[in-house]
Each structure stands twice: as C-alpha cells, then as structure tokens.
Amino acid sequence: MSGKEILGKALALKPEDRFMFIEGLLNSLDEPDRQIDEIWAEESEKRLKTHRAGILKGIPMEEIFRDK
C-alpha cells in the first residue's frame, strides 16, 4: 500500500482514531524522555491545583480563539 493510500484511509478514520494514529507515528520517530514527561506531569498538577484553588484564572476558549 502506498503512502497516499494510507493517508486516505487515515483521513477516513474517526477523529479519536486519527489522533491515536498520529500519536503512534510521532512516537515511532522520537522516543519520549521519561524525565521530561515527569517534569511536565508535575507542572500540570501544580497548575491544576492553583486553578482549583482560585489562584490561577482561566481564559475562556471563545476569547482565545476570537478573530482579531
């Protein structure tokens, strides 16, 4: 099967399946660094805690994607 055929089949997948397909391809190109993943996980937890505590305020999605 050619790359063009594979791409056509991939584009016909449901969005969540396309995401898994892309993630698998990207992971095959670059091995994840577990130390960096742990650092990002810790940072994400800190940000979530500060948001839930009302220290960090979110920005509405509509504001972020509003045309300028």
N, C-alpha and C. Protein backbone atom coordinates (compact mmCIF):
# COMPACT_ATOMS: atom_id res chain seq x y z
N MET A 1 0.86 -1.17 0.00
CA MET A 1 0.00 0.00 0.00
C MET A 1 0.90 1.24 0.00
N SER A 2 0.56 2.22 -0.82
CA SER A 2 1.38 3.42 -0.91
C SER A 2 1.07 4.38 0.23
N GLY A 3 1.96 5.32 0.44
CA GLY A 3 1.75 6.33 1.48
C GLY A 3 0.49 7.13 1.22
N LYS A 4 0.20 7.41 -0.03
CA LYS A 4 -1.00 8.17 -0.40
C LYS A 4 -2.27 7.39 -0.02
N GLU A 5 -2.24 6.08 -0.25
CA GLU A 5 -3.38 5.23 0.11
C GLU A 5 -3.56 5.17 1.63
N ILE A 6 -2.44 5.07 2.33
CA ILE A 6 -2.50 5.03 3.79
C ILE A 6 -3.07 6.34 4.32
N LEU A 7 -2.62 7.45 3.76
CA LEU A 7 -3.13 8.75 4.19
C LEU A 7 -4.63 8.85 3.94
N GLY A 8 -5.08 8.39 2.80
CA GLY A 8 -6.52 8.42 2.50
C GLY A 8 -7.32 7.62 3.51
N LYS A 9 -6.82 6.44 3.85
CA LYS A 9 -7.52 5.62 4.84
C LYS A 9 -7.48 6.27 6.22
N ALA A 10 -6.36 6.88 6.56
CA ALA A 10 -6.24 7.53 7.86
C ALA A 10 -7.20 8.70 7.97
N LEU A 11 -7.36 9.46 6.90
CA LEU A 11 -8.26 10.61 6.92
C LEU A 11 -9.73 10.19 7.04
N ALA A 12 -10.03 8.96 6.69
CA ALA A 12 -11.40 8.46 6.79
C ALA A 12 -11.75 7.98 8.20
N LEU A 13 -10.75 7.91 9.08
CA LEU A 13 -10.99 7.44 10.44
C LEU A 13 -11.74 8.48 11.27
N LYS A 14 -12.34 8.01 12.36
CA LYS A 14 -12.97 8.92 13.31
C LYS A 14 -11.87 9.77 13.94
N PRO A 15 -12.18 10.99 14.40
CA PRO A 15 -11.15 11.88 14.96
C PRO A 15 -10.30 11.23 16.05
N GLU A 16 -10.90 10.48 16.97
CA GLU A 16 -10.11 9.88 18.04
C GLU A 16 -9.16 8.80 17.50
N ASP A 17 -9.59 8.10 16.45
CA ASP A 17 -8.71 7.10 15.84
C ASP A 17 -7.58 7.76 15.06
N ARG A 18 -7.88 8.90 14.41
CA ARG A 18 -6.83 9.65 13.71
C ARG A 18 -5.79 10.13 14.71
N PHE A 19 -6.26 10.59 15.88
CA PHE A 19 -5.34 11.06 16.91
C PHE A 19 -4.41 9.93 17.35
N MET A 20 -4.98 8.75 17.60
CA MET A 20 -4.16 7.61 18.01
C MET A 20 -3.15 7.24 16.92
N PHE A 21 -3.57 7.32 15.67
CA PHE A 21 -2.69 7.02 14.54
C PHE A 21 -1.53 8.00 14.49
N ILE A 22 -1.83 9.28 14.60
CA ILE A 22 -0.80 10.31 14.56
C ILE A 22 0.14 10.17 15.75
N GLU A 23 -0.43 9.94 16.92
CA GLU A 23 0.40 9.78 18.12
C GLU A 23 1.36 8.60 17.95
N GLY A 24 0.87 7.51 17.39
CA GLY A 24 1.71 6.34 17.16
C GLY A 24 2.84 6.64 16.18
N LEU A 25 2.53 7.38 15.12
CA LEU A 25 3.58 7.74 14.16
C LEU A 25 4.63 8.64 14.80
N LEU A 26 4.17 9.64 15.53
CA LEU A 26 5.11 10.56 16.18
C LEU A 26 5.99 9.83 17.20
N ASN A 27 5.38 8.96 17.96
CA ASN A 27 6.16 8.20 18.94
C ASN A 27 7.19 7.30 18.28
N SER A 28 6.90 6.83 17.08
CA SER A 28 7.86 5.97 16.39
C SER A 28 9.07 6.77 15.90
N LEU A 29 8.91 8.08 15.77
CA LEU A 29 10.01 8.92 15.29
C LEU A 29 10.89 9.44 16.43
N ASP A 30 10.30 9.60 17.59
CA ASP A 30 11.03 10.21 18.70
C ASP A 30 10.65 9.51 19.99
N GLU A 31 11.62 8.86 20.58
CA GLU A 31 11.37 8.19 21.85
C GLU A 31 11.12 9.22 22.93
N PRO A 32 10.05 9.08 23.70
CA PRO A 32 9.77 10.05 24.76
C PRO A 32 10.84 10.01 25.85
N ASP A 33 11.09 11.14 26.43
CA ASP A 33 12.03 11.26 27.53
C ASP A 33 11.22 11.22 28.82
N ARG A 34 11.33 10.14 29.55
CA ARG A 34 10.52 9.96 30.76
C ARG A 34 10.76 11.05 31.79
N GLN A 35 11.98 11.54 31.89
CA GLN A 35 12.27 12.59 32.86
C GLN A 35 11.50 13.87 32.50
N ILE A 36 11.49 14.23 31.23
CA ILE A 36 10.74 15.41 30.80
C ILE A 36 9.25 15.19 31.00
N ASP A 37 8.76 14.00 30.69
CA ASP A 37 7.35 13.69 30.91
C ASP A 37 6.97 13.85 32.38
N GLU A 38 7.84 13.41 33.28
CA GLU A 38 7.57 13.54 34.72
C GLU A 38 7.54 15.01 35.14
N ILE A 39 8.47 15.80 34.60
CA ILE A 39 8.51 17.23 34.92
C ILE A 39 7.22 17.90 34.46
N TRP A 40 6.77 17.59 33.24
CA TRP A 40 5.53 18.18 32.73
C TRP A 40 4.32 17.72 33.53
N ALA A 41 4.31 16.47 33.95
CA ALA A 41 3.20 15.96 34.75
C ALA A 41 3.13 16.71 36.08
N GLU A 42 4.28 16.94 36.71
CA GLU A 42 4.31 17.68 37.97
C GLU A 42 3.83 19.11 37.76
N GLU A 43 4.29 19.75 36.68
CA GLU A 43 3.88 21.12 36.39
C GLU A 43 2.38 21.19 36.13
N SER A 44 1.86 20.22 35.41
CA SER A 44 0.41 20.18 35.14
C SER A 44 -0.38 20.06 36.43
N GLU A 45 0.08 19.23 37.33
CA GLU A 45 -0.60 19.06 38.62
C GLU A 45 -0.57 20.37 39.41
N LYS A 46 0.58 21.06 39.42
CA LYS A 46 0.69 22.34 40.12
C LYS A 46 -0.30 23.35 39.55
N ARG A 47 -0.36 23.44 38.22
CA ARG A 47 -1.26 24.40 37.58
C ARG A 47 -2.72 24.06 37.87
N LEU A 48 -3.06 22.79 37.83
CA LEU A 48 -4.43 22.38 38.13
C LEU A 48 -4.80 22.73 39.56
N LYS A 49 -3.91 22.48 40.50
CA LYS A 49 -4.18 22.80 41.90
C LYS A 49 -4.37 24.29 42.11
N THR A 50 -3.51 25.11 41.49
CA THR A 50 -3.66 26.56 41.65
C THR A 50 -4.93 27.06 40.99
N HIS A 51 -5.32 26.45 39.88
CA HIS A 51 -6.58 26.83 39.23
C HIS A 51 -7.77 26.48 40.12
N ARG A 52 -7.77 25.27 40.65
CA ARG A 52 -8.87 24.83 41.52
C ARG A 52 -8.94 25.65 42.80
N ALA A 53 -7.79 26.15 43.27
CA ALA A 53 -7.75 26.97 44.49
C ALA A 53 -8.14 28.42 44.21
N GLY A 54 -8.36 28.76 42.94
CA GLY A 54 -8.75 30.12 42.58
C GLY A 54 -7.59 31.08 42.46
N ILE A 55 -6.37 30.57 42.53
CA ILE A 55 -5.17 31.41 42.42
C ILE A 55 -4.89 31.74 40.95
N LEU A 56 -5.11 30.77 40.10
CA LEU A 56 -4.87 30.91 38.67
C LEU A 56 -6.22 30.93 37.97
N LYS A 57 -6.47 31.96 37.17
CA LYS A 57 -7.75 32.04 36.47
C LYS A 57 -7.57 31.61 35.02
N GLY A 58 -8.57 30.95 34.51
CA GLY A 58 -8.54 30.51 33.12
C GLY A 58 -9.04 31.60 32.19
N ILE A 59 -8.79 31.41 30.91
CA ILE A 59 -9.27 32.31 29.86
C ILE A 59 -10.29 31.53 29.05
N PRO A 60 -11.49 32.09 28.86
CA PRO A 60 -12.50 31.37 28.09
C PRO A 60 -12.01 31.05 26.67
N MET A 61 -12.34 29.87 26.20
CA MET A 61 -11.91 29.42 24.88
C MET A 61 -12.35 30.41 23.80
N GLU A 62 -13.55 30.98 23.95
CA GLU A 62 -14.05 31.93 22.95
C GLU A 62 -13.13 33.15 22.85
N GLU A 63 -12.56 33.56 23.97
CA GLU A 63 -11.67 34.70 23.98
C GLU A 63 -10.34 34.35 23.31
N ILE A 64 -9.87 33.18 23.53
CA ILE A 64 -8.59 32.75 22.95
C ILE A 64 -8.68 32.67 21.43
N PHE A 65 -9.79 32.11 20.93
CA PHE A 65 -9.93 31.87 19.51
C PHE A 65 -10.70 32.96 18.77
N ARG A 66 -10.98 34.06 19.45
CA ARG A 66 -11.71 35.16 18.81
C ARG A 66 -10.85 35.78 17.71
N ASP A 67 -11.50 36.08 16.59
CA ASP A 67 -10.78 36.74 15.49
C ASP A 67 -10.35 38.13 15.93
N LYS A 68 -9.15 38.48 15.55
CA LYS A 68 -8.62 39.80 15.95
C LYS A 68 -8.68 40.75 14.80
